[in-house]
N, C-alpha and C. Protein backbone atom coordinates (compact mmCIF):
# COMPACT_ATOMS: atom_id res chain seq x y z
N UNK A 1 -87.57 -71.45 -75.69
CA UNK A 1 -88.70 -70.67 -75.25
C UNK A 1 -88.54 -70.22 -73.85
N UNK A 2 -87.98 -71.07 -73.02
CA UNK A 2 -87.73 -70.67 -71.59
C UNK A 2 -86.70 -69.50 -71.53
N UNK A 3 -85.75 -69.55 -72.43
CA UNK A 3 -84.75 -68.50 -72.42
C UNK A 3 -85.35 -67.19 -72.89
N UNK A 4 -86.28 -67.17 -73.73
CA UNK A 4 -87.03 -66.00 -74.16
C UNK A 4 -87.76 -65.38 -72.99
N UNK A 5 -88.50 -66.22 -72.29
CA UNK A 5 -89.23 -65.74 -71.08
C UNK A 5 -88.29 -65.24 -70.05
N UNK A 6 -87.25 -65.92 -69.86
CA UNK A 6 -86.23 -65.49 -68.88
C UNK A 6 -85.58 -64.15 -69.20
N UNK A 7 -85.32 -63.91 -70.48
CA UNK A 7 -84.75 -62.62 -70.87
C UNK A 7 -85.81 -61.54 -70.75
N UNK A 8 -87.04 -61.82 -71.05
CA UNK A 8 -88.09 -60.84 -70.86
C UNK A 8 -88.26 -60.43 -69.43
N UNK A 9 -88.21 -61.43 -68.53
CA UNK A 9 -88.36 -61.18 -67.07
C UNK A 9 -87.17 -60.36 -66.61
N UNK A 10 -85.95 -60.69 -67.15
CA UNK A 10 -84.78 -59.89 -66.76
C UNK A 10 -84.91 -58.45 -67.20
N UNK A 11 -85.44 -58.21 -68.40
CA UNK A 11 -85.64 -56.86 -68.88
C UNK A 11 -86.67 -56.21 -67.98
N UNK A 12 -87.73 -56.85 -67.64
CA UNK A 12 -88.79 -56.27 -66.82
C UNK A 12 -88.22 -55.94 -65.45
N UNK A 13 -87.45 -56.86 -64.89
CA UNK A 13 -86.80 -56.60 -63.61
C UNK A 13 -85.83 -55.42 -63.62
N UNK A 14 -85.07 -55.32 -64.72
CA UNK A 14 -84.15 -54.22 -64.93
C UNK A 14 -84.89 -52.89 -64.99
N UNK A 15 -85.98 -52.88 -65.74
CA UNK A 15 -86.78 -51.63 -65.90
C UNK A 15 -87.39 -51.27 -64.56
N UNK A 16 -87.97 -52.29 -63.86
CA UNK A 16 -88.56 -52.08 -62.56
C UNK A 16 -87.49 -51.53 -61.59
N UNK A 17 -86.33 -52.17 -61.59
CA UNK A 17 -85.27 -51.74 -60.74
C UNK A 17 -84.81 -50.33 -61.08
N UNK A 18 -84.70 -50.01 -62.35
CA UNK A 18 -84.30 -48.70 -62.77
C UNK A 18 -85.33 -47.62 -62.33
N UNK A 19 -86.60 -47.98 -62.45
CA UNK A 19 -87.67 -47.08 -62.03
C UNK A 19 -87.61 -46.82 -60.52
N UNK A 20 -87.35 -47.85 -59.75
CA UNK A 20 -87.28 -47.78 -58.33
C UNK A 20 -86.05 -46.87 -57.93
N UNK A 21 -84.94 -47.12 -58.66
CA UNK A 21 -83.73 -46.33 -58.35
C UNK A 21 -84.00 -44.85 -58.67
N UNK A 22 -84.71 -44.57 -59.74
CA UNK A 22 -85.03 -43.17 -60.10
C UNK A 22 -85.92 -42.55 -59.03
N UNK A 23 -86.90 -43.33 -58.57
CA UNK A 23 -87.80 -42.83 -57.49
C UNK A 23 -87.02 -42.53 -56.23
N UNK A 24 -86.12 -43.43 -55.90
CA UNK A 24 -85.33 -43.26 -54.69
C UNK A 24 -84.44 -42.06 -54.84
N UNK A 25 -83.84 -41.87 -56.02
CA UNK A 25 -83.03 -40.73 -56.28
C UNK A 25 -83.79 -39.42 -56.09
N UNK A 26 -85.03 -39.38 -56.55
CA UNK A 26 -85.90 -38.18 -56.41
C UNK A 26 -86.16 -37.94 -54.92
N UNK A 27 -86.49 -39.00 -54.24
CA UNK A 27 -86.76 -38.92 -52.78
C UNK A 27 -85.49 -38.40 -52.07
N UNK A 28 -84.39 -38.93 -52.47
CA UNK A 28 -83.14 -38.48 -51.76
C UNK A 28 -82.88 -37.00 -52.00
N UNK A 29 -83.14 -36.59 -53.23
CA UNK A 29 -82.92 -35.14 -53.60
C UNK A 29 -83.85 -34.28 -52.76
N UNK A 30 -85.11 -34.72 -52.57
CA UNK A 30 -86.02 -33.93 -51.80
C UNK A 30 -85.58 -33.90 -50.29
N UNK A 31 -85.12 -35.02 -49.83
CA UNK A 31 -84.69 -35.07 -48.43
C UNK A 31 -83.43 -34.11 -48.24
N UNK A 32 -82.53 -34.19 -49.16
CA UNK A 32 -81.35 -33.24 -49.06
C UNK A 32 -81.79 -31.81 -49.06
N UNK A 33 -82.81 -31.47 -49.90
CA UNK A 33 -83.28 -30.13 -49.99
C UNK A 33 -83.91 -29.73 -48.65
N UNK A 34 -84.70 -30.66 -48.10
CA UNK A 34 -85.40 -30.40 -46.81
C UNK A 34 -84.34 -30.23 -45.69
N UNK A 35 -83.30 -30.96 -45.71
CA UNK A 35 -82.24 -30.89 -44.74
C UNK A 35 -81.62 -29.50 -44.79
N UNK A 36 -81.32 -29.05 -46.02
CA UNK A 36 -80.77 -27.66 -46.19
C UNK A 36 -81.67 -26.61 -45.61
N UNK A 37 -82.99 -26.77 -45.91
CA UNK A 37 -83.98 -25.82 -45.43
C UNK A 37 -84.00 -25.83 -43.85
N UNK A 38 -83.97 -27.02 -43.33
CA UNK A 38 -84.06 -27.15 -41.87
C UNK A 38 -82.75 -26.59 -41.14
N UNK A 39 -81.62 -26.80 -41.84
CA UNK A 39 -80.40 -26.27 -41.29
C UNK A 39 -80.40 -24.77 -41.31
N UNK A 40 -80.91 -24.14 -42.41
CA UNK A 40 -81.06 -22.70 -42.42
C UNK A 40 -82.02 -22.21 -41.36
N UNK A 41 -83.13 -22.86 -41.19
CA UNK A 41 -84.07 -22.44 -40.19
C UNK A 41 -83.44 -22.55 -38.80
N UNK A 42 -82.67 -23.65 -38.54
CA UNK A 42 -82.06 -23.85 -37.26
C UNK A 42 -81.05 -22.73 -36.99
N UNK A 43 -80.26 -22.38 -37.99
CA UNK A 43 -79.30 -21.31 -37.82
C UNK A 43 -79.99 -19.99 -37.53
N UNK A 44 -81.10 -19.68 -38.28
CA UNK A 44 -81.87 -18.50 -38.07
C UNK A 44 -82.41 -18.44 -36.67
N UNK A 45 -82.95 -19.49 -36.20
CA UNK A 45 -83.55 -19.58 -34.85
C UNK A 45 -82.41 -19.41 -33.72
N UNK A 46 -81.27 -20.05 -33.95
CA UNK A 46 -80.17 -19.90 -33.04
C UNK A 46 -79.80 -18.43 -32.94
N UNK A 47 -79.74 -17.69 -34.08
CA UNK A 47 -79.39 -16.32 -34.07
C UNK A 47 -80.46 -15.49 -33.32
N UNK A 48 -81.70 -15.79 -33.52
CA UNK A 48 -82.77 -15.06 -32.84
C UNK A 48 -82.71 -15.33 -31.33
N UNK A 49 -82.41 -16.56 -30.92
CA UNK A 49 -82.31 -16.88 -29.53
C UNK A 49 -81.18 -16.16 -28.88
N UNK A 50 -80.02 -16.11 -29.63
CA UNK A 50 -78.84 -15.42 -29.11
C UNK A 50 -79.15 -13.87 -28.94
N UNK A 51 -79.79 -13.29 -29.87
CA UNK A 51 -80.24 -11.90 -29.77
C UNK A 51 -81.14 -11.71 -28.55
N UNK A 52 -82.10 -12.58 -28.42
CA UNK A 52 -83.08 -12.45 -27.29
C UNK A 52 -82.32 -12.59 -25.96
N UNK A 53 -81.40 -13.49 -25.87
CA UNK A 53 -80.59 -13.65 -24.64
C UNK A 53 -79.84 -12.36 -24.37
N UNK A 54 -79.27 -11.75 -25.38
CA UNK A 54 -78.55 -10.45 -25.19
C UNK A 54 -79.49 -9.39 -24.63
N UNK A 55 -80.69 -9.26 -25.25
CA UNK A 55 -81.60 -8.27 -24.75
C UNK A 55 -82.05 -8.56 -23.35
N UNK A 56 -82.28 -9.83 -23.01
CA UNK A 56 -82.68 -10.16 -21.63
C UNK A 56 -81.57 -9.82 -20.67
N UNK A 57 -80.29 -10.09 -21.07
CA UNK A 57 -79.19 -9.79 -20.21
C UNK A 57 -79.08 -8.31 -19.98
N UNK A 58 -79.32 -7.51 -21.01
CA UNK A 58 -79.26 -6.02 -20.83
C UNK A 58 -80.38 -5.54 -19.90
N UNK A 59 -81.52 -6.16 -19.94
CA UNK A 59 -82.61 -5.83 -19.02
C UNK A 59 -82.20 -6.22 -17.56
N UNK A 60 -81.70 -7.45 -17.43
CA UNK A 60 -81.25 -7.89 -16.11
C UNK A 60 -80.16 -7.00 -15.56
N UNK A 61 -79.23 -6.52 -16.41
CA UNK A 61 -78.19 -5.70 -15.92
C UNK A 61 -78.67 -4.30 -15.42
N UNK A 62 -79.88 -3.91 -15.92
CA UNK A 62 -80.50 -2.62 -15.49
C UNK A 62 -81.22 -2.75 -14.17
N UNK A 63 -81.53 -3.98 -13.79
CA UNK A 63 -82.31 -4.17 -12.51
C UNK A 63 -81.38 -3.86 -11.37
N UNK A 64 -82.01 -3.39 -10.27
CA UNK A 64 -81.18 -3.06 -9.10
C UNK A 64 -80.50 -4.29 -8.53
N UNK A 65 -79.31 -4.05 -8.03
CA UNK A 65 -78.57 -5.17 -7.29
C UNK A 65 -79.18 -5.32 -5.93
N UNK A 66 -78.99 -6.49 -5.34
CA UNK A 66 -79.52 -6.70 -4.00
C UNK A 66 -78.90 -5.79 -2.97
N UNK A 67 -77.73 -5.22 -3.21
CA UNK A 67 -77.10 -4.35 -2.28
C UNK A 67 -77.81 -2.98 -2.24
N UNK A 68 -78.62 -2.66 -3.27
CA UNK A 68 -79.30 -1.44 -3.32
C UNK A 68 -80.63 -1.59 -2.63
N UNK A 69 -80.60 -1.31 -1.19
CA UNK A 69 -81.81 -1.63 -0.44
C UNK A 69 -82.91 -0.61 -0.65
N UNK A 70 -82.57 0.60 -1.17
CA UNK A 70 -83.68 1.59 -1.39
C UNK A 70 -84.73 1.03 -2.38
N UNK A 71 -84.23 0.48 -3.43
CA UNK A 71 -85.15 -0.09 -4.47
C UNK A 71 -85.89 -1.25 -3.85
N UNK A 72 -85.21 -2.13 -3.15
CA UNK A 72 -85.90 -3.32 -2.61
C UNK A 72 -86.96 -2.94 -1.58
N UNK A 73 -86.66 -1.88 -0.74
CA UNK A 73 -87.67 -1.42 0.21
C UNK A 73 -88.89 -0.91 -0.51
N UNK A 74 -88.77 -0.17 -1.59
CA UNK A 74 -89.87 0.30 -2.36
C UNK A 74 -90.67 -0.81 -2.90
N UNK A 75 -90.00 -1.84 -3.37
CA UNK A 75 -90.65 -3.01 -3.91
C UNK A 75 -91.45 -3.73 -2.82
N UNK A 76 -90.86 -3.89 -1.65
CA UNK A 76 -91.56 -4.57 -0.53
C UNK A 76 -92.74 -3.79 -0.12
N UNK A 77 -92.66 -2.46 -0.06
CA UNK A 77 -93.78 -1.58 0.37
C UNK A 77 -94.91 -1.65 -0.71
N UNK A 78 -94.59 -1.69 -1.92
CA UNK A 78 -95.63 -1.71 -2.97
C UNK A 78 -96.40 -3.05 -2.96
N UNK A 79 -95.71 -4.08 -2.66
CA UNK A 79 -96.42 -5.46 -2.56
C UNK A 79 -97.33 -5.51 -1.34
N UNK A 80 -96.94 -4.84 -0.30
CA UNK A 80 -97.80 -4.86 0.93
C UNK A 80 -98.98 -3.97 0.65
N UNK A 81 -98.84 -2.86 -0.02
CA UNK A 81 -99.95 -1.97 -0.28
C UNK A 81 -100.90 -2.64 -1.20
N UNK A 82 -100.49 -3.47 -2.13
CA UNK A 82 -101.48 -4.10 -3.03
C UNK A 82 -102.26 -5.17 -2.31
N UNK A 83 -101.80 -5.70 -1.23
CA UNK A 83 -102.58 -6.73 -0.47
C UNK A 83 -103.71 -6.08 0.38
N UNK A 84 -103.54 -4.82 0.70
CA UNK A 84 -104.52 -4.20 1.61
C UNK A 84 -105.82 -3.93 0.99
């Protein structure tokens, strides 16, 4: 009789273990899917950042250099005029 109970417990434990493994497998699949999504989003954001940096650099390149005193003088005069 004890052997019968023992084999039933073993079967229950095997079923329970199998169910847990199946649940873990599903969770792992979802995690892997989420990782793929996050990696794609990361790549997309890196591309957007790179594009934005390029646009900012183009704008900075169009700004007057410090050697161009005409532009700087105009900027200085306009800031004084706004304070008056």
